[in-house]
Protein backbone atom coordinates (compact mmCIF):
# COMPACT_ATOMS: atom_id res chain seq x y z
CA MET A 1 74.76 123.15 66.77
CA LYS A 2 77.17 120.29 66.60
CA LYS A 3 76.20 117.40 64.39
CA PHE A 4 77.63 113.94 64.79
CA LEU A 5 78.04 112.59 61.28
CA ALA A 6 77.20 108.97 60.79
CA LEU A 7 77.23 106.74 57.72
CA VAL A 8 73.62 105.69 57.85
CA LEU A 9 70.86 105.16 55.36
CA SER A 10 68.74 108.09 54.36
CA MET A 11 66.10 106.74 56.74
CA ILE A 12 67.00 105.40 60.17
CA MET A 13 63.74 103.51 60.57
CA VAL A 14 62.76 100.05 59.33
CA PHE A 15 59.45 98.30 59.64
CA SER A 16 59.39 95.89 62.56
CA CYS A 17 56.61 93.84 60.96
CA ALA A 18 58.41 92.93 57.73
CA ALA A 19 61.75 94.64 57.56
CA VAL A 20 64.15 94.13 54.69
CA ALA A 21 67.70 94.15 56.00
CA GLU A 22 69.92 96.70 54.30
CA THR A 23 73.68 96.29 54.32
CA VAL A 24 74.60 98.95 51.78
CA ASN A 25 73.94 102.67 51.75
CA PRO A 26 71.59 103.15 48.77
CA ASP A 27 73.37 106.39 47.89
CA ASP A 28 76.40 104.24 47.08
CA ILE A 29 74.41 102.18 44.57
CA ALA A 30 74.61 103.46 40.99
CA ASP A 31 71.51 105.19 39.68
CA THR A 32 72.10 103.71 36.24
CA TYR A 33 72.12 99.94 35.74
CA THR A 34 72.67 98.30 32.37
CA ALA A 35 70.84 95.03 31.84
CA GLU A 36 72.45 92.86 29.17
CA ASP A 37 69.08 91.58 28.01
CA GLY A 38 67.48 95.02 28.12
CA VAL A 39 64.94 93.91 30.72
CA TYR A 40 64.51 95.97 33.88
CA GLU A 41 62.58 94.09 36.52
CA LEU A 42 62.12 96.92 39.04
CA ALA A 43 61.11 100.37 37.84
CA PHE A 44 60.69 103.75 39.45
CA VAL A 45 58.63 106.58 37.97
CA THR A 46 59.62 109.89 39.53
CA ASP A 47 57.41 112.59 40.91
CA VAL A 48 57.95 116.19 39.80
CA GLY A 49 61.33 117.61 40.70
CA GLN A 50 64.73 116.00 40.40
CA LEU A 51 65.54 112.33 40.94
CA LYS A 52 68.25 113.34 43.42
CA ASP A 53 66.10 115.88 45.26
CA LYS A 54 67.54 114.84 48.65
CA SER A 55 63.95 114.25 49.71
CA PHE A 56 60.86 112.48 48.35
CA ASN A 57 62.06 111.14 45.00
CA GLN A 58 65.49 110.21 46.26
CA GLY A 59 64.16 108.48 49.37
CA THR A 60 61.78 106.33 47.33
CA TRP A 61 64.37 105.59 44.64
CA ASN A 62 66.82 104.49 47.33
CA GLY A 63 64.32 101.83 48.38
CA VAL A 64 64.05 100.51 44.82
CA LYS A 65 67.83 100.42 44.38
CA ALA A 66 68.47 98.87 47.77
CA TYR A 67 66.06 96.00 47.18
CA ALA A 68 67.38 95.41 43.67
CA ALA A 69 71.02 95.40 44.79
CA ALA A 70 70.34 93.09 47.73
CA ASN A 71 68.51 90.61 45.52
CA GLY A 72 70.44 90.76 42.27
CA LEU A 73 67.64 92.36 40.25
CA SER A 74 67.81 94.80 37.35
CA TYR A 75 66.38 98.27 37.91
CA LYS A 76 65.72 101.53 36.10
CA TYR A 77 64.16 104.91 36.76
CA TYR A 78 61.86 106.74 34.37
CA GLN A 79 61.32 110.49 34.50
CA PRO A 80 58.15 111.76 32.81
CA ALA A 81 58.79 114.19 29.96
CA ASN A 82 58.47 117.95 30.46
CA GLY A 83 59.84 118.05 33.99
CA ASP A 84 57.79 120.18 36.36
CA GLN A 85 55.21 120.68 33.60
CA ALA A 86 54.63 116.95 33.10
CA THR A 87 51.08 115.95 32.19
CA ASP A 88 49.14 112.78 32.95
CA ASP A 89 50.04 111.59 29.44
CA ASP A 90 53.73 112.14 30.19
CA ARG A 91 53.45 110.11 33.38
CA TYR A 92 51.52 107.36 31.61
CA ASP A 93 54.15 107.20 28.87
CA ALA A 94 56.83 106.69 31.52
CA MET A 95 54.84 103.89 33.16
CA LYS A 96 54.14 102.29 29.79
CA ALA A 97 57.85 102.35 28.98
CA ALA A 98 58.58 100.70 32.33
CA CYS A 99 56.01 97.94 31.76
CA GLU A 100 57.16 97.28 28.22
CA GLY A 101 60.74 97.28 29.48
CA GLY A 102 59.95 94.18 31.52
CA ALA A 103 59.08 95.63 34.92
CA LYS A 104 57.41 93.24 37.30
CA VAL A 105 56.98 95.99 39.89
CA VAL A 106 56.61 99.69 39.10
CA VAL A 107 57.00 102.14 41.98
CA ALA A 108 55.35 105.51 41.34
CA ALA A 109 55.96 108.40 43.71
CA GLY A 110 53.53 111.21 44.43
CA PHE A 111 49.80 111.90 44.42
CA MET A 112 49.98 113.46 40.95
CA GLN A 113 50.63 110.00 39.49
CA ALA A 114 47.08 108.85 40.20
CA ALA A 115 45.37 109.24 36.81
CA ALA A 116 48.29 107.85 34.83
CA LEU A 117 48.84 105.00 37.28
CA GLU A 118 45.20 103.92 37.16
CA LYS A 119 45.30 103.83 33.36
CA ALA A 120 48.58 101.91 33.27
CA ALA A 121 47.49 99.44 35.95
CA LYS A 122 44.36 98.57 33.98
CA GLU A 123 46.28 98.11 30.76
CA TYR A 124 49.03 96.02 32.38
CA PRO A 125 47.18 93.88 34.94
CA GLU A 126 50.10 91.46 35.38
CA THR A 127 52.39 94.26 36.49
CA LYS A 128 52.32 95.30 40.14
CA PHE A 129 52.28 99.00 41.02
CA VAL A 130 53.38 100.54 44.33
CA PHE A 131 51.72 103.95 44.74
CA ILE A 132 53.73 105.99 47.26
CA ASP A 133 51.59 108.68 48.92
CA GLY A 134 48.63 107.05 47.21
CA TRP A 135 45.22 105.57 47.90
CA GLN A 136 43.07 102.59 46.97
CA MET A 137 41.84 102.44 43.38
CA GLY A 138 39.85 99.22 43.45
CA LEU A 139 42.66 97.51 41.53
CA ALA A 140 44.29 94.40 42.95
CA ASN A 141 47.62 95.15 41.26
CA VAL A 142 47.99 98.57 42.92
CA ALA A 143 49.36 98.78 46.48
CA PRO A 144 48.89 102.27 47.93
CA ILE A 145 51.35 103.34 50.61
CA ALA A 146 50.44 106.39 52.69
CA PHE A 147 52.02 107.86 55.81
CA MET A 148 50.76 109.67 58.88
CA GLU A 149 52.81 112.78 58.17
CA GLU A 150 50.90 114.70 60.80
CA GLN A 151 52.72 112.61 63.42
CA SER A 152 56.25 113.45 62.29
CA GLY A 153 55.20 117.05 61.63
CA TYR A 154 53.93 117.22 65.22
CA LEU A 155 57.20 115.85 66.57
CA ALA A 156 59.22 118.38 64.56
CA GLY A 157 57.08 121.32 65.70
CA TYR A 158 57.20 120.18 69.30
CA ALA A 159 60.99 119.66 69.16
CA ILE A 160 61.94 123.07 67.83
CA VAL A 161 59.74 124.94 70.30
CA LYS A 162 61.25 122.89 73.12
CA GLU A 163 64.63 123.89 71.70
CA GLY A 164 63.67 127.52 72.23
CA PHE A 165 62.46 128.73 68.82
CA THR A 166 59.31 130.88 68.88
CA LYS A 167 59.37 132.48 65.42
CA LEU A 168 58.57 129.68 62.99
CA GLY A 169 57.84 129.34 59.30
CA PHE A 170 56.29 126.69 57.07
CA LEU A 171 56.81 126.71 53.29
CA GLY A 172 54.89 123.83 51.71
CA GLY A 173 54.96 122.04 48.38
CA GLY A 174 52.10 121.23 46.06
CA GLY A 175 50.49 124.64 46.31
CA GLY A 176 48.36 123.47 49.22
CA THR A 177 46.75 120.61 47.29
CA ASN A 178 49.15 117.86 48.35
CA PRO A 179 47.56 115.91 51.24
CA ALA A 180 50.94 114.77 52.56
CA CYS A 181 52.29 118.32 52.82
CA CYS A 182 49.01 119.49 54.36
CA ARG A 183 49.31 116.80 57.03
CA TYR A 184 52.92 117.74 57.70
CA GLY A 185 52.01 121.41 58.12
CA TYR A 186 48.98 120.81 60.29
CA GLY A 187 50.91 118.42 62.53
CA PHE A 188 53.76 120.92 62.75
CA ALA A 189 51.39 123.62 64.02
CA GLN A 190 49.84 121.27 66.58
CA GLY A 191 53.20 120.11 67.91
CA ALA A 192 54.47 123.67 68.21
CA ASN A 193 51.31 124.61 70.05
CA ALA A 194 51.55 121.71 72.50
CA ALA A 195 55.15 122.54 73.41
CA ALA A 196 54.38 126.27 73.67
CA ALA A 197 51.43 125.61 75.98
CA GLU A 198 53.59 123.44 78.24
CA MET A 199 56.29 126.11 78.37
CA GLY A 200 53.92 129.04 78.78
CA VAL A 201 55.21 130.85 75.69
CA ASN A 202 53.59 132.22 72.55
CA VAL A 203 54.70 131.22 69.08
CA GLU A 204 54.34 132.93 65.71
CA LEU A 205 53.99 130.67 62.65
CA LYS A 206 54.25 132.13 59.16
CA TYR A 207 52.56 129.76 56.74
CA SER A 208 52.62 129.72 52.95
CA TRP A 209 52.22 127.58 49.85
CA GLN A 210 53.58 130.24 47.49
CA TYR A 211 56.17 129.08 44.94
CA GLY A 212 55.64 125.46 46.02
CA ALA A 213 53.28 124.15 43.36
CA SER A 214 56.09 122.40 41.46
CA PHE A 215 58.13 121.41 44.55
CA SER A 216 61.08 123.14 42.88
CA ALA A 217 63.79 125.53 43.96
CA SER A 218 63.38 129.04 42.59
CA PRO A 219 64.78 132.55 43.04
CA GLU A 220 61.30 133.72 44.08
CA LEU A 221 61.07 131.11 46.84
CA GLU A 222 64.55 131.96 48.09
CA ALA A 223 63.69 135.66 48.16
CA MET A 224 60.54 134.96 50.15
CA ALA A 225 62.42 132.82 52.68
CA LYS A 226 65.13 135.48 53.01
CA GLY A 227 62.46 138.07 53.71
CA TRP A 228 61.03 135.91 56.48
CA TYR A 229 64.42 135.39 58.08
CA GLU A 230 65.32 139.06 57.84
CA ASN A 231 62.06 139.94 59.57
CA GLY A 232 62.53 137.68 62.57
CA THR A 233 61.69 134.11 61.54
CA GLU A 234 64.22 131.79 63.18
CA VAL A 235 63.51 128.44 61.55
CA ILE A 236 61.49 127.33 58.50
CA PHE A 237 60.00 123.89 57.88
CA ALA A 238 61.06 123.25 54.26
CA CYS A 239 58.28 120.88 53.25
CA GLY A 240 58.50 120.24 49.52
CA GLY A 241 61.25 118.26 47.77
CA SER A 242 63.70 120.47 45.88
CA MET A 243 62.27 123.58 47.58
CA PHE A 244 64.74 122.63 50.31
CA SER A 245 67.75 124.08 48.48
CA SER A 246 66.20 127.55 48.14
CA ILE A 247 65.22 127.67 51.80
CA VAL A 248 68.61 126.40 52.95
CA SER A 249 70.30 129.08 50.83
CA ALA A 250 68.19 131.74 52.54
CA ALA A 251 68.89 130.28 55.99
CA SER A 252 72.64 130.14 55.34
CA ALA A 253 72.70 133.77 54.26
CA ASN A 254 71.16 134.75 57.59
CA ASP A 255 72.87 132.21 59.89
CA LEU A 256 69.46 130.74 60.75
CA PHE A 257 67.79 127.36 60.62
CA VAL A 258 65.71 124.82 58.69
CA VAL A 259 63.58 121.77 59.49
CA GLY A 260 64.03 119.11 56.82
CA VAL A 261 61.42 116.73 55.46
CA ASP A 262 60.93 113.08 54.41
CA VAL A 263 64.57 112.03 54.99
CA ASP A 264 67.34 113.13 57.34
CA GLN A 265 68.56 116.27 55.58
CA SER A 266 71.18 117.24 58.18
CA PHE A 267 73.82 115.76 55.88
CA GLU A 268 73.00 118.42 53.31
CA SER A 269 73.37 121.55 55.45
CA GLU A 270 74.48 122.68 58.89
CA THR A 271 71.34 124.83 58.98
CA VAL A 272 69.14 121.75 59.52
CA VAL A 273 68.01 121.46 63.15
CA THR A 274 66.01 118.27 62.66
CA SER A 275 63.92 116.57 59.98
CA ALA A 276 60.35 115.27 59.91
CA LEU A 277 60.83 111.74 58.59
CA LYS A 278 58.77 109.13 56.87
CA GLY A 279 60.06 105.71 55.89
CA LEU A 280 60.11 106.10 52.13
CA SER A 281 63.01 103.77 51.47
CA SER A 282 61.90 101.13 53.96
CA ALA A 283 58.27 101.26 52.85
CA THR A 284 59.29 100.84 49.22
CA GLU A 285 61.47 97.83 50.03
CA TRP A 286 58.75 96.35 52.20
CA ALA A 287 56.15 96.64 49.43
CA ILE A 288 58.44 95.15 46.77
CA SER A 289 59.33 92.29 49.11
CA LYS A 290 55.66 91.38 49.40
CA PHE A 291 55.57 90.64 45.68
CA TYR A 292 58.65 88.43 45.74
CA ALA A 293 57.42 86.63 48.86
CA GLY A 294 54.16 85.76 47.10
CA GLU A 295 52.22 87.96 49.54
CA TRP A 296 51.07 90.74 47.23
CA GLU A 297 47.43 90.14 48.12
CA THR A 298 48.16 91.40 51.65
CA ILE A 299 48.92 94.90 50.34
CA GLY A 300 47.25 95.09 46.92
CA ASP A 301 44.23 97.42 47.05
CA VAL A 302 44.69 97.67 50.83
CA ALA A 303 44.87 100.99 52.68
CA ASN A 304 48.47 100.75 53.91
CA ASN A 305 48.59 103.80 56.17
CA LEU A 306 51.83 103.81 58.12
CA GLY A 307 52.68 105.76 61.23
CA ALA A 308 54.51 105.69 64.54
CA ASN A 309 53.04 102.30 65.40
CA ASP A 310 54.83 100.91 62.31
CA ASN A 311 58.12 102.72 63.04
CA ALA A 312 57.41 104.63 59.83
CA VAL A 313 57.55 108.26 61.00
CA GLY A 314 59.64 110.25 63.45
CA LEU A 315 62.77 112.35 63.88
CA PRO A 316 66.37 111.25 63.21
CA THR A 317 68.15 110.29 66.44
CA GLU A 318 71.53 109.27 65.00
CA THR A 319 72.23 112.88 64.02
CA TRP A 320 70.48 114.48 66.99
CA SER A 321 71.68 118.06 67.56
CA LEU A 322 68.97 119.47 69.83
CA GLU A 323 70.37 120.73 73.12
CA ASN A 324 67.24 121.49 75.14
CA TRP A 325 65.17 118.40 74.37
CA THR A 326 66.66 114.94 74.72
CA VAL A 327 66.39 111.73 72.72
CA GLU A 328 64.90 110.09 75.81
CA GLU A 329 62.17 112.73 75.98
CA TYR A 330 61.56 112.33 72.26
CA ASN A 331 61.23 108.55 72.59
CA THR A 332 58.66 108.99 75.35
CA LEU A 333 56.56 111.31 73.20
CA LEU A 334 56.92 109.03 70.17
CA ALA A 335 55.78 106.06 72.24
CA SER A 336 52.66 107.92 73.35
CA ILE A 337 51.77 108.47 69.68
CA ALA A 338 52.51 104.84 68.77
CA GLU A 339 50.41 103.59 71.67
CA GLY A 340 47.51 105.87 70.76
CA THR A 341 47.47 107.82 74.01
CA LEU A 342 48.35 110.94 72.01
CA VAL A 343 46.32 111.32 68.81
CA ILE A 344 47.30 113.94 66.24
CA ASP A 345 44.46 115.44 64.24
CA ASN A 346 44.83 114.98 60.48
CA SER A 347 41.47 116.34 59.38
CA VAL A 348 42.69 119.61 57.86
CA LEU A 349 43.75 118.87 54.30
CA GLU A 350 43.18 122.26 52.75
CA ALA A 351 45.60 125.13 52.44
CA ASP A 352 45.22 127.98 54.91
CA LYS A 353 42.68 126.25 57.15
CA ILE A 354 44.71 125.31 60.21
CA THR A 355 43.38 128.20 62.25
CA SER A 356 40.22 126.13 62.64
CA ALA A 357 42.23 124.07 65.13
CA GLU A 358 42.50 125.07 68.76
CA LEU A 359 45.95 126.64 68.69
CA SER A 360 45.99 128.38 72.04
CA ASN A 361 49.64 129.44 71.92
CA VAL A 362 50.34 129.70 68.18
CA THR A 363 49.40 132.65 65.99
CA VAL A 364 49.28 131.64 62.33
CA ILE A 365 50.14 134.28 59.73
CA TYR A 366 49.27 133.28 56.16
CA GLU A 367 51.34 134.69 53.34
């Protein structure tokens, strides 16, 4: 499928309510900044996986860098010790280092940051914390930012079935305990089912959390994905950070396809049909801007749950490669979600429970 390359930001979407204009591609901004006074005003604490994971960490970090570059601020990222085996103490130590390094705003990515973030926020009440994929903690200096991943998952599932795929796969990160990945997967199944019902076809969906607990690439994950492809799966939703590279490798070996996640991953591989997006970079910039505008109280300890109505989820249209479903048709479906005429269920947040939904035209096979 032909892809029209465009020099765009990792996310196409910006928030209409309080957008921060971006004039530079964040990927062109250096990851390392040296402050002459040793003070780093904006800080990012990574989730598990690599900083440049081409997904969750990278999308969030791009938002930190973009805001800093546009406003002449110093910035630094902190990776908790012990990599994929990082503990709450490791995450806390990274946040402590950020606070003591002069951070006014610390952005922490991922639900696993919760315990460390709560401890750090209590010990450093003057520092503001942006908790991406987080929730309210009863702390005024913590702004949780969550997304309606079920909406973009739905759009991705609907799109690929409309494109003609009927043998689908979902390989999720977090081992089935990550609410964001659970919402993505559940939405994906619902979207596939809706399109299949309209078309009068039946769809098979292989579904697994194996090898995804650490969100990392691995030979075992690649072997599993290869097995799926070799046994008929046509496209796999790669929903879990650095897991993407293993699944893409398996897809490439079989001349088959992948659905990306969080950011537009079509730039990384010709195997990517589309990507289920959420506005990580834009949301991060938006939250930081609230602090500098003196409006932190509007997001601190507020349930900031962003979806289609906020232009915060969707599919990438600038790199559209689908041939059997148009951008115009996509925009119509997206509008129905934004307007609330189409509501996507997000109640299933446990691994291997989506068969409780009414999936008339999708058969789920757990592995």
